[in-house]
Amino acid sequence: MIPWLVADTPFPPLAQALDEPNGLLCAGGDLSPARILEAYRQGIFPWFSAGEPILWWSPDPRMVLFPGEFRISRSLRRTLRDGAYEVRLDSAFAQVIRACAETPRRGQPGTWITREMQQAYRRLHELGHAHSVETWVSDRLVGGLYGLAIGGMFYGESMFAHVTDASKIAAAHLARFLETHGFGMIDCQMRTAHLASLGAREIPRDDFLARLRALTATETPPARWPVDGASQPWS
C-alpha cells in the first residue's frame, strides 16, 4: 500500500518510495500549481494514465542531463549549422503540450499527458513556471519540448517531432540556453535509450536530491522566456 494524499497532506519521505514499480511514492492530491511545484522542489513528479488516480514518483536512480554534456552527433551538428529552421521559446506552449500528447510513440498505445495534465501545465506556463522550446520550419511547428524551471533546475517533461531531428534541435538549443543562463541540471526522470543517446545518465537519488536542493536554494521570479532567447546561430 502507498499513502493517499488529501487536501494539504504533505508528501511522505522519499525513502518510502517503492522499489517495484521503481519510485512510486503516493497517490491522490491534486494538480494545483502549488502542489506540483512542491513536488518538483522535493524531487517528485506526477505520472499517471487516464482512469488512474494521480500517482507521484521519485525513482532511484534518476535520469539527468547536465547541460554541458549534451551529445551532438555529426548529422545533428550539420543540421544545426544549416539553420534551415527557427527555434522559439514560449511562443506556442499549448500547441507543444498537445502535440506531445497526440504524437504516436513506438511501443506506447496511449499517453500519460491527459487533458487534466495539459490543463495543469498550461496554468503553470501562464504563471511563468513552465516553458516550451519549439522547432519551426517555414512558420510551421514541427517539433519541440516542454518542462518546468525552478531556480537553476529544469525539469523536462516530454518532447515530440513531426520531422527528423526536430525534437533534438529543440533539445540542443535548450541545453545551450540553460548552460548560458546558469542552470545546472535537467531532470529527465526515467531512463530511455533516446535520452541516453543525447548524453543523459543515471545518478543515485540521494545525489540527485543534493544537487536539486543546491540548485533550487535561490529562485528567481517566474517569467516567460524571451521568444528569441535560443535563436542564436550554431557554430
Protein backbone atom coordinates (compact mmCIF):
# COMPACT_ATOMS: atom_id res chain seq x y z
CA MET A 1 0.00 0.00 0.00
CA ILE A 2 1.11 3.56 -0.69
CA PRO A 3 -0.04 6.70 1.16
CA TRP A 4 -3.07 8.62 -0.12
CA LEU A 5 -2.85 12.42 -0.24
CA VAL A 6 -5.84 14.53 0.73
CA ALA A 7 -6.16 18.33 0.95
CA ASP A 8 -2.89 19.66 2.38
CA THR A 9 -1.34 16.29 3.22
CA PRO A 10 2.45 16.61 2.79
CA PHE A 11 4.37 14.19 0.61
CA PRO A 12 5.80 11.22 2.51
CA PRO A 13 9.58 10.80 2.86
CA LEU A 14 11.19 9.63 -0.37
CA ALA A 15 12.69 6.64 1.46
CA GLN A 16 9.15 5.20 1.41
CA ALA A 17 9.06 5.06 -2.41
CA LEU A 18 8.60 1.54 -3.75
CA ASP A 19 11.35 -0.43 -5.44
CA GLU A 20 8.76 -2.02 -7.75
CA PRO A 21 7.42 -0.15 -9.57
CA ASN A 22 10.53 1.92 -9.15
CA GLY A 23 9.85 5.20 -7.38
CA LEU A 24 6.08 5.05 -6.81
CA LEU A 25 5.62 7.17 -3.69
CA CYS A 26 1.95 8.03 -3.15
CA ALA A 27 -1.37 8.74 -4.82
CA GLY A 28 -4.13 11.31 -4.69
CA GLY A 29 -3.91 15.02 -4.04
CA ASP A 30 -4.43 17.44 -6.90
CA LEU A 31 -2.62 19.09 -9.79
CA SER A 32 -2.75 22.64 -8.49
CA PRO A 33 0.30 24.80 -9.23
CA ALA A 34 1.23 24.82 -5.54
CA ARG A 35 1.12 21.02 -5.27
CA ILE A 36 3.10 20.42 -8.47
CA LEU A 37 5.78 22.97 -7.57
CA GLU A 38 6.04 21.50 -4.08
CA ALA A 39 6.56 18.09 -5.66
CA TYR A 40 9.29 19.22 -8.06
CA ARG A 41 11.19 21.01 -5.31
CA GLN A 42 11.34 17.67 -3.47
CA GLY A 43 12.32 15.59 -6.50
CA ILE A 44 8.80 14.19 -7.05
CA PHE A 45 6.72 14.27 -10.24
CA PRO A 46 3.18 13.21 -11.28
CA TRP A 47 2.78 10.43 -13.83
CA PHE A 48 -0.42 8.51 -14.44
CA SER A 49 -2.76 7.40 -17.21
CA ALA A 50 -6.38 8.27 -17.88
CA GLY A 51 -8.68 6.48 -15.46
CA GLU A 52 -5.99 6.18 -12.78
CA PRO A 53 -5.66 8.32 -9.65
CA ILE A 54 -2.88 10.91 -9.62
CA LEU A 55 0.34 8.98 -8.96
CA TRP A 56 3.52 10.61 -7.63
CA TRP A 57 7.00 9.24 -8.31
CA SER A 58 10.64 9.61 -7.27
CA PRO A 59 12.70 6.82 -8.90
CA ASP A 60 16.16 5.67 -7.85
CA PRO A 61 18.38 6.04 -9.81
CA ARG A 62 17.33 9.26 -11.53
CA MET A 63 17.98 10.06 -15.19
CA VAL A 64 19.53 13.50 -15.61
CA LEU A 65 21.29 15.54 -18.26
CA PHE A 66 23.91 18.12 -17.39
CA PRO A 67 23.57 20.92 -19.98
CA GLY A 68 27.27 20.91 -20.85
CA GLU A 69 27.17 17.16 -21.55
CA PHE A 70 24.54 17.30 -24.30
CA ARG A 71 25.76 14.95 -27.02
CA ILE A 72 25.56 16.19 -30.62
CA SER A 73 26.06 13.64 -33.38
CA ARG A 74 27.76 14.60 -36.64
CA SER A 75 24.47 14.54 -38.53
CA LEU A 76 22.73 16.68 -35.92
CA ARG A 77 25.60 19.16 -35.94
CA ARG A 78 25.26 19.51 -39.70
CA THR A 79 21.54 20.13 -39.28
CA LEU A 80 22.17 22.72 -36.58
CA ARG A 81 24.75 24.51 -38.75
CA ASP A 82 22.48 24.51 -41.80
CA GLY A 83 19.97 26.53 -39.81
CA ALA A 84 17.01 25.67 -42.06
CA TYR A 85 14.71 26.08 -39.08
CA GLU A 86 13.84 28.57 -36.34
CA VAL A 87 13.84 27.89 -32.59
CA ARG A 88 11.42 29.85 -30.44
CA LEU A 89 10.77 29.84 -26.70
CA ASP A 90 7.34 30.06 -25.07
CA SER A 91 5.54 31.12 -28.24
CA ALA A 92 3.25 28.07 -28.57
CA PHE A 93 3.18 26.22 -25.25
CA ALA A 94 -0.37 24.87 -25.64
CA GLN A 95 0.44 23.56 -29.13
CA VAL A 96 3.59 21.84 -27.87
CA ILE A 97 1.98 20.04 -24.95
CA ARG A 98 -0.94 18.99 -27.14
CA ALA A 99 1.45 17.65 -29.80
CA CYS A 100 3.41 15.76 -27.10
CA ALA A 101 0.14 14.15 -26.02
CA GLU A 102 -1.14 13.32 -29.51
CA THR A 103 2.01 12.25 -31.40
CA PRO A 104 2.14 8.42 -31.61
CA ARG A 105 5.13 6.77 -29.91
CA ARG A 106 6.56 3.37 -30.71
CA GLY A 107 5.55 0.82 -28.08
CA GLN A 108 3.12 3.19 -26.32
CA PRO A 109 -0.59 2.65 -27.03
CA GLY A 110 -1.68 5.85 -25.29
CA THR A 111 -0.45 8.91 -23.44
CA TRP A 112 0.03 9.95 -19.83
CA ILE A 113 -0.42 13.62 -20.82
CA THR A 114 -4.13 13.64 -20.11
CA ARG A 115 -6.40 16.64 -20.53
CA GLU A 116 -6.08 17.17 -16.78
CA MET A 117 -2.29 17.25 -17.06
CA GLN A 118 -2.38 19.58 -20.05
CA GLN A 119 -4.64 22.00 -18.18
CA ALA A 120 -2.36 21.92 -15.11
CA TYR A 121 0.81 22.64 -17.07
CA ARG A 122 -0.83 25.33 -19.19
CA ARG A 123 -1.67 27.05 -15.91
CA LEU A 124 1.96 26.71 -14.79
CA HIS A 125 3.00 28.25 -18.10
CA GLU A 126 0.66 31.20 -17.55
CA LEU A 127 2.32 31.71 -14.17
CA GLY A 128 5.82 31.68 -15.74
CA HIS A 129 6.99 28.30 -14.37
CA ALA A 130 6.51 26.02 -17.39
CA HIS A 131 8.25 26.63 -20.69
CA SER A 132 8.32 25.33 -24.26
CA VAL A 133 11.15 25.11 -26.76
CA GLU A 134 9.86 24.92 -30.33
CA THR A 135 11.34 24.00 -33.70
CA TRP A 136 9.70 25.80 -36.62
CA VAL A 137 10.19 25.27 -40.37
CA SER A 138 8.53 27.67 -42.81
CA ASP A 139 6.46 29.00 -39.92
CA ARG A 140 5.16 25.50 -39.11
CA LEU A 141 5.67 23.88 -35.69
CA VAL A 142 7.47 20.60 -36.41
CA GLY A 143 8.93 19.63 -33.03
CA GLY A 144 9.62 20.73 -29.51
CA LEU A 145 9.58 20.00 -25.81
CA TYR A 146 8.26 21.42 -22.56
CA GLY A 147 9.16 21.39 -18.87
CA LEU A 148 9.43 23.44 -15.69
CA ALA A 149 12.15 25.77 -14.41
CA ILE A 150 12.79 26.29 -10.71
CA GLY A 151 15.94 28.12 -9.69
CA GLY A 152 18.84 26.50 -11.53
CA MET A 153 16.88 23.32 -12.31
CA PHE A 154 14.97 22.45 -15.45
CA TYR A 155 12.55 19.54 -15.25
CA GLY A 156 12.00 18.04 -18.67
CA GLU A 157 8.56 16.57 -19.28
CA SER A 158 8.08 15.46 -22.89
CA MET A 159 9.13 16.10 -26.47
CA PHE A 160 7.76 15.42 -29.94
CA ALA A 161 8.93 15.51 -33.56
CA HIS A 162 6.98 15.60 -36.80
CA VAL A 163 10.13 15.73 -38.95
CA THR A 164 13.55 14.14 -38.48
CA ASP A 165 15.64 15.65 -35.65
CA ALA A 166 13.06 18.34 -34.80
CA SER A 167 12.96 17.41 -31.10
CA LYS A 168 16.76 17.01 -30.98
CA ILE A 169 17.16 20.52 -32.42
CA ALA A 170 14.94 21.88 -29.65
CA ALA A 171 16.84 19.89 -27.01
CA ALA A 172 20.23 21.09 -28.25
CA HIS A 173 19.14 24.72 -28.15
CA LEU A 174 17.59 24.20 -24.72
CA ALA A 175 20.83 22.73 -23.34
CA ARG A 176 22.84 25.67 -24.67
CA PHE A 177 20.28 28.19 -23.37
CA LEU A 178 20.27 26.59 -19.90
CA GLU A 179 24.06 26.43 -19.69
CA THR A 180 24.32 30.09 -20.72
CA HIS A 181 21.80 31.09 -18.05
CA GLY A 182 23.38 29.18 -15.17
CA PHE A 183 21.14 26.12 -14.99
CA GLY A 184 23.00 23.13 -13.59
CA MET A 185 20.87 20.10 -14.35
CA ILE A 186 17.97 18.81 -16.44
CA ASP A 187 15.74 16.24 -14.76
CA CYS A 188 14.86 13.52 -17.29
CA GLN A 189 13.06 11.38 -14.68
CA MET A 190 13.44 7.84 -16.02
CA ARG A 191 15.92 6.19 -18.37
CA THR A 192 15.23 5.79 -22.07
CA ALA A 193 17.63 4.88 -24.86
CA HIS A 194 16.76 8.13 -26.64
CA LEU A 195 17.72 10.27 -23.63
CA ALA A 196 20.92 8.27 -23.15
CA SER A 197 21.85 8.94 -26.78
CA LEU A 198 21.65 12.67 -26.03
CA GLY A 199 24.07 12.41 -23.11
CA ALA A 200 21.71 11.84 -20.20
CA ARG A 201 22.80 9.41 -17.48
CA GLU A 202 21.52 7.89 -14.27
CA ILE A 203 22.69 9.08 -10.85
CA PRO A 204 21.67 7.88 -7.36
CA ARG A 205 18.56 9.58 -5.99
CA ASP A 206 20.48 10.93 -2.98
CA ASP A 207 22.97 12.59 -5.34
CA PHE A 208 20.11 13.98 -7.42
CA LEU A 209 18.40 15.42 -4.33
CA ALA A 210 21.58 17.04 -3.05
CA ARG A 211 22.16 18.74 -6.40
CA LEU A 212 18.48 19.71 -6.64
CA ARG A 213 18.49 21.37 -3.21
CA ALA A 214 21.57 23.40 -4.12
CA LEU A 215 20.18 24.45 -7.50
CA THR A 216 16.78 25.48 -6.13
CA ALA A 217 18.06 27.20 -2.97
CA THR A 218 17.74 30.55 -4.74
CA GLU A 219 14.78 31.09 -7.05
CA THR A 220 14.27 33.96 -9.45
CA PRO A 221 10.73 35.27 -10.03
CA PRO A 222 8.91 33.12 -12.63
CA ALA A 223 8.54 34.72 -16.04
CA ARG A 224 8.08 33.88 -19.70
CA TRP A 225 11.30 33.21 -21.56
CA PRO A 226 12.09 35.57 -24.46
CA VAL A 227 10.80 34.13 -27.72
CA ASP A 228 14.18 34.55 -29.45
CA GLY A 229 16.22 33.58 -26.41
CA ALA A 230 17.60 30.42 -28.03
CA SER A 231 17.75 31.51 -31.65
CA GLN A 232 21.47 32.23 -31.97
CA PRO A 233 23.17 30.54 -34.98
CA TRP A 234 25.07 27.32 -34.29
CA SER A 235 28.81 27.45 -34.85
